[in-house]
C-alpha cells in the first residue's frame, strides 16, 4: 500500500510543479518577460526563440480543447513552418 501512496504523492508533486510552471509562464508572457523562465545557468540562448516556444506552449494549455491547436499545427509551429498564433 505504501508503494501506491509514494507513486500518488509523486504524481501530485509533478502536477503541482507543472501547474506552477504554467501559471508562471502566463504571468511572464503577459508583460512580455518570458525570458525570466530561462534557467539562470544558461547563458547562450535566443530570446526570440524563448518567446516563440513559450507562446506555442501556452496555446497548448488553453482551458477549452477547441482553443488548443491540433498536434500537427503544434509540430508545424515548432518546426518554423508556420507562425505561432
N, C-alpha and C. Protein backbone atom coordinates (compact mmCIF):
# COMPACT_ATOMS: atom_id res chain seq x y z
N UNK A 1 0.82 -1.20 0.00
CA UNK A 1 0.00 0.00 0.00
C UNK A 1 0.87 1.27 0.00
N UNK A 2 2.00 1.25 0.67
CA UNK A 2 2.85 2.44 0.71
C UNK A 2 3.43 2.76 -0.66
N UNK A 3 3.63 1.74 -1.50
CA UNK A 3 4.12 1.99 -2.86
C UNK A 3 3.14 2.85 -3.63
N UNK A 4 1.86 2.56 -3.50
CA UNK A 4 0.84 3.33 -4.19
C UNK A 4 0.79 4.77 -3.68
N UNK A 5 0.95 4.91 -2.36
CA UNK A 5 0.94 6.25 -1.80
C UNK A 5 2.15 7.05 -2.31
N UNK A 6 3.30 6.41 -2.38
CA UNK A 6 4.50 7.08 -2.88
C UNK A 6 4.32 7.51 -4.32
N UNK A 7 3.78 6.62 -5.15
CA UNK A 7 3.52 6.97 -6.55
C UNK A 7 2.51 8.10 -6.63
N UNK A 8 1.44 8.00 -5.85
CA UNK A 8 0.40 9.04 -5.85
C UNK A 8 1.01 10.39 -5.45
N UNK A 9 1.81 10.40 -4.39
CA UNK A 9 2.44 11.64 -3.94
C UNK A 9 3.36 12.20 -5.02
N UNK A 10 4.09 11.33 -5.71
CA UNK A 10 4.99 11.78 -6.78
C UNK A 10 4.21 12.42 -7.90
N UNK A 11 3.12 11.78 -8.31
CA UNK A 11 2.29 12.32 -9.38
C UNK A 11 1.69 13.66 -8.96
N UNK A 12 1.23 13.76 -7.74
CA UNK A 12 0.67 15.01 -7.26
C UNK A 12 1.71 16.12 -7.29
N UNK A 13 2.95 15.81 -6.89
CA UNK A 13 4.01 16.82 -6.89
C UNK A 13 4.33 17.26 -8.31
N UNK A 14 4.38 16.33 -9.24
CA UNK A 14 4.66 16.69 -10.63
C UNK A 14 3.54 17.57 -11.16
N UNK A 15 2.30 17.21 -10.88
CA UNK A 15 1.18 18.01 -11.34
C UNK A 15 1.23 19.42 -10.75
N UNK A 16 1.54 19.53 -9.47
CA UNK A 16 1.65 20.85 -8.85
C UNK A 16 2.79 21.65 -9.46
N UNK A 17 3.91 21.00 -9.70
CA UNK A 17 5.05 21.67 -10.31
C UNK A 17 4.69 22.17 -11.71
N UNK A 18 4.06 21.29 -12.50
CA UNK A 18 3.67 21.67 -13.86
C UNK A 18 2.69 22.83 -13.84
N UNK A 19 1.74 22.76 -12.95
CA UNK A 19 0.76 23.83 -12.83
C UNK A 19 1.45 25.14 -12.48
N UNK A 20 2.38 25.10 -11.54
CA UNK A 20 3.10 26.31 -11.15
C UNK A 20 3.93 26.87 -12.30
N UNK A 21 4.55 26.00 -13.09
CA UNK A 21 5.33 26.46 -14.25
C UNK A 21 4.40 27.14 -15.25
N UNK A 22 3.25 26.52 -15.51
CA UNK A 22 2.28 27.12 -16.46
C UNK A 22 1.79 28.47 -15.97
N UNK A 23 1.46 28.55 -14.70
CA UNK A 23 0.98 29.82 -14.14
C UNK A 23 2.05 30.90 -14.24
N UNK A 24 3.27 30.52 -13.94
CA UNK A 24 4.38 31.48 -14.03
C UNK A 24 4.60 31.92 -15.48
N UNK A 25 4.50 30.97 -16.40
CA UNK A 25 4.68 31.29 -17.82
C UNK A 25 3.62 32.29 -18.27
N UNK A 26 2.36 32.07 -17.86
CA UNK A 26 1.30 33.02 -18.22
C UNK A 26 1.59 34.40 -17.65
N UNK A 27 1.99 34.44 -16.38
CA UNK A 27 2.27 35.73 -15.74
C UNK A 27 3.41 36.47 -16.43
N UNK A 28 4.41 35.73 -16.88
CA UNK A 28 5.56 36.35 -17.54
C UNK A 28 5.27 36.68 -19.00
N UNK A 29 4.35 35.94 -19.60
CA UNK A 29 4.00 36.18 -21.01
C UNK A 29 3.24 37.50 -21.17
N UNK A 30 2.34 37.75 -20.27
CA UNK A 30 1.50 38.95 -20.38
C UNK A 30 2.32 40.25 -20.45
N UNK A 31 3.33 40.44 -19.59
CA UNK A 31 4.14 41.66 -19.70
C UNK A 31 5.34 41.50 -20.65
N UNK A 32 5.35 40.38 -21.41
CA UNK A 32 6.42 40.13 -22.39
C UNK A 32 7.79 39.93 -21.73
N UNK A 33 7.80 39.18 -20.61
CA UNK A 33 9.04 38.92 -19.88
C UNK A 33 9.31 37.41 -19.76
N UNK A 34 9.00 36.66 -20.82
CA UNK A 34 9.18 35.21 -20.82
C UNK A 34 10.62 34.79 -20.56
N UNK A 35 11.55 35.68 -20.83
CA UNK A 35 12.97 35.37 -20.66
C UNK A 35 13.28 34.95 -19.22
N UNK A 36 12.48 35.42 -18.27
CA UNK A 36 12.69 35.05 -16.87
C UNK A 36 12.46 33.56 -16.61
N UNK A 37 11.85 32.85 -17.57
CA UNK A 37 11.66 31.40 -17.43
C UNK A 37 12.96 30.62 -17.65
N UNK A 38 13.90 31.24 -18.35
CA UNK A 38 15.15 30.56 -18.69
C UNK A 38 16.01 30.37 -17.46
N UNK A 39 16.59 29.20 -17.32
CA UNK A 39 17.48 28.88 -16.21
C UNK A 39 18.64 29.88 -16.18
N UNK A 40 18.93 30.38 -15.00
CA UNK A 40 20.00 31.37 -14.82
C UNK A 40 21.36 30.84 -15.28
N UNK A 41 21.53 29.53 -15.23
CA UNK A 41 22.80 28.92 -15.62
C UNK A 41 23.01 28.93 -17.13
N UNK A 42 21.95 29.11 -17.89
CA UNK A 42 22.02 29.10 -19.35
C UNK A 42 22.38 30.50 -19.82
N UNK A 43 23.54 30.63 -20.46
CA UNK A 43 23.99 31.96 -20.85
C UNK A 43 23.83 32.23 -22.34
N UNK A 44 23.73 31.19 -23.15
CA UNK A 44 23.67 31.38 -24.59
C UNK A 44 22.34 30.85 -25.13
N UNK A 45 21.41 31.75 -25.41
CA UNK A 45 20.11 31.35 -25.95
C UNK A 45 19.53 32.50 -26.76
N UNK A 46 18.60 32.16 -27.62
CA UNK A 46 17.94 33.12 -28.48
C UNK A 46 16.65 33.59 -27.80
N UNK A 47 16.60 34.86 -27.43
CA UNK A 47 15.44 35.39 -26.71
C UNK A 47 14.16 35.26 -27.52
N UNK A 48 14.24 35.47 -28.82
CA UNK A 48 13.05 35.34 -29.66
C UNK A 48 12.55 33.91 -29.69
N UNK A 49 13.47 32.96 -29.66
CA UNK A 49 13.09 31.55 -29.65
C UNK A 49 12.39 31.20 -28.34
N UNK A 50 12.87 31.74 -27.23
CA UNK A 50 12.22 31.51 -25.94
C UNK A 50 10.79 32.03 -25.97
N UNK A 51 10.61 33.22 -26.49
CA UNK A 51 9.27 33.81 -26.56
C UNK A 51 8.36 33.01 -27.49
N UNK A 52 8.90 32.56 -28.63
CA UNK A 52 8.11 31.80 -29.60
C UNK A 52 7.66 30.46 -29.02
N UNK A 53 8.59 29.74 -28.41
CA UNK A 53 8.27 28.43 -27.85
C UNK A 53 7.32 28.56 -26.66
N UNK A 54 7.50 29.59 -25.87
CA UNK A 54 6.58 29.83 -24.75
C UNK A 54 5.18 30.10 -25.26
N UNK A 55 5.08 30.92 -26.31
CA UNK A 55 3.77 31.23 -26.90
C UNK A 55 3.09 29.94 -27.40
N UNK A 56 3.84 29.07 -28.05
CA UNK A 56 3.30 27.81 -28.55
C UNK A 56 2.84 26.94 -27.38
N UNK A 57 3.67 26.86 -26.35
CA UNK A 57 3.32 26.04 -25.18
C UNK A 57 2.03 26.55 -24.53
N UNK A 58 1.90 27.86 -24.43
CA UNK A 58 0.70 28.42 -23.80
C UNK A 58 -0.55 28.18 -24.65
N UNK A 59 -0.38 28.14 -25.96
CA UNK A 59 -1.52 27.79 -26.82
C UNK A 59 -2.02 26.38 -26.50
N UNK A 60 -1.10 25.51 -26.15
CA UNK A 60 -1.45 24.11 -25.85
C UNK A 60 -2.08 23.93 -24.47
N UNK A 61 -2.08 24.98 -23.66
CA UNK A 61 -2.63 24.86 -22.31
C UNK A 61 -3.96 25.59 -22.15
N UNK A 62 -4.57 25.97 -23.25
CA UNK A 62 -5.87 26.63 -23.19
C UNK A 62 -6.87 25.74 -22.46
N UNK A 63 -7.75 26.34 -21.70
CA UNK A 63 -8.75 25.59 -20.93
C UNK A 63 -9.67 24.81 -21.85
N UNK A 64 -10.13 25.43 -22.89
CA UNK A 64 -11.06 24.78 -23.82
C UNK A 64 -10.28 24.00 -24.88
N UNK A 65 -10.58 22.73 -25.05
CA UNK A 65 -9.91 21.94 -26.10
C UNK A 65 -10.09 22.55 -27.49
N UNK A 66 -11.20 23.23 -27.71
CA UNK A 66 -11.45 23.84 -29.02
C UNK A 66 -10.48 24.99 -29.31
N UNK A 67 -9.91 25.58 -28.27
CA UNK A 67 -8.96 26.68 -28.45
C UNK A 67 -7.53 26.18 -28.61
N UNK A 68 -7.28 24.91 -28.32
CA UNK A 68 -5.94 24.35 -28.45
C UNK A 68 -5.67 23.94 -29.90
N UNK A 69 -4.47 24.17 -30.39
CA UNK A 69 -4.17 23.76 -31.76
C UNK A 69 -3.99 22.25 -31.85
N UNK A 70 -4.32 21.65 -33.00
CA UNK A 70 -4.05 20.22 -33.17
C UNK A 70 -2.54 19.98 -33.18
N UNK A 71 -2.13 18.77 -32.85
CA UNK A 71 -0.70 18.46 -32.76
C UNK A 71 0.03 18.71 -34.07
N UNK A 72 -0.63 18.48 -35.19
CA UNK A 72 0.02 18.73 -36.48
C UNK A 72 0.39 20.21 -36.61
N UNK A 73 -0.47 21.08 -36.11
CA UNK A 73 -0.18 22.52 -36.15
C UNK A 73 0.92 22.88 -35.15
N UNK A 74 0.91 22.24 -33.99
CA UNK A 74 1.96 22.48 -32.98
C UNK A 74 3.32 22.10 -33.56
N UNK A 75 3.38 20.93 -34.19
CA UNK A 75 4.64 20.48 -34.80
C UNK A 75 5.09 21.46 -35.87
N UNK A 76 4.15 21.93 -36.71
CA UNK A 76 4.49 22.90 -37.76
C UNK A 76 4.99 24.20 -37.15
N UNK A 77 4.37 24.65 -36.06
CA UNK A 77 4.83 25.88 -35.40
C UNK A 77 6.22 25.69 -34.80
N UNK A 78 6.44 24.54 -34.14
CA UNK A 78 7.75 24.28 -33.54
C UNK A 78 8.84 24.14 -34.60
N UNK A 79 8.47 23.61 -35.75
CA UNK A 79 9.41 23.43 -36.86
C UNK A 79 9.70 24.73 -37.57
N UNK A 80 8.85 25.74 -37.34
CA UNK A 80 9.02 27.02 -38.00
C UNK A 80 8.35 27.07 -39.36
N UNK A 81 7.55 26.04 -39.68
CA UNK A 81 6.86 26.02 -40.98
C UNK A 81 5.72 27.04 -41.03
N UNK A 82 5.09 27.30 -39.86
CA UNK A 82 4.03 28.30 -39.78
C UNK A 82 4.28 29.15 -38.53
N UNK A 83 3.70 30.33 -38.52
CA UNK A 83 3.84 31.24 -37.39
C UNK A 83 3.00 30.77 -36.21
N UNK A 84 3.48 31.02 -35.01
CA UNK A 84 2.69 30.74 -33.81
C UNK A 84 1.59 31.78 -33.73
N UNK A 85 0.37 31.33 -33.48
CA UNK A 85 -0.79 32.23 -33.43
C UNK A 85 -0.68 33.21 -32.29
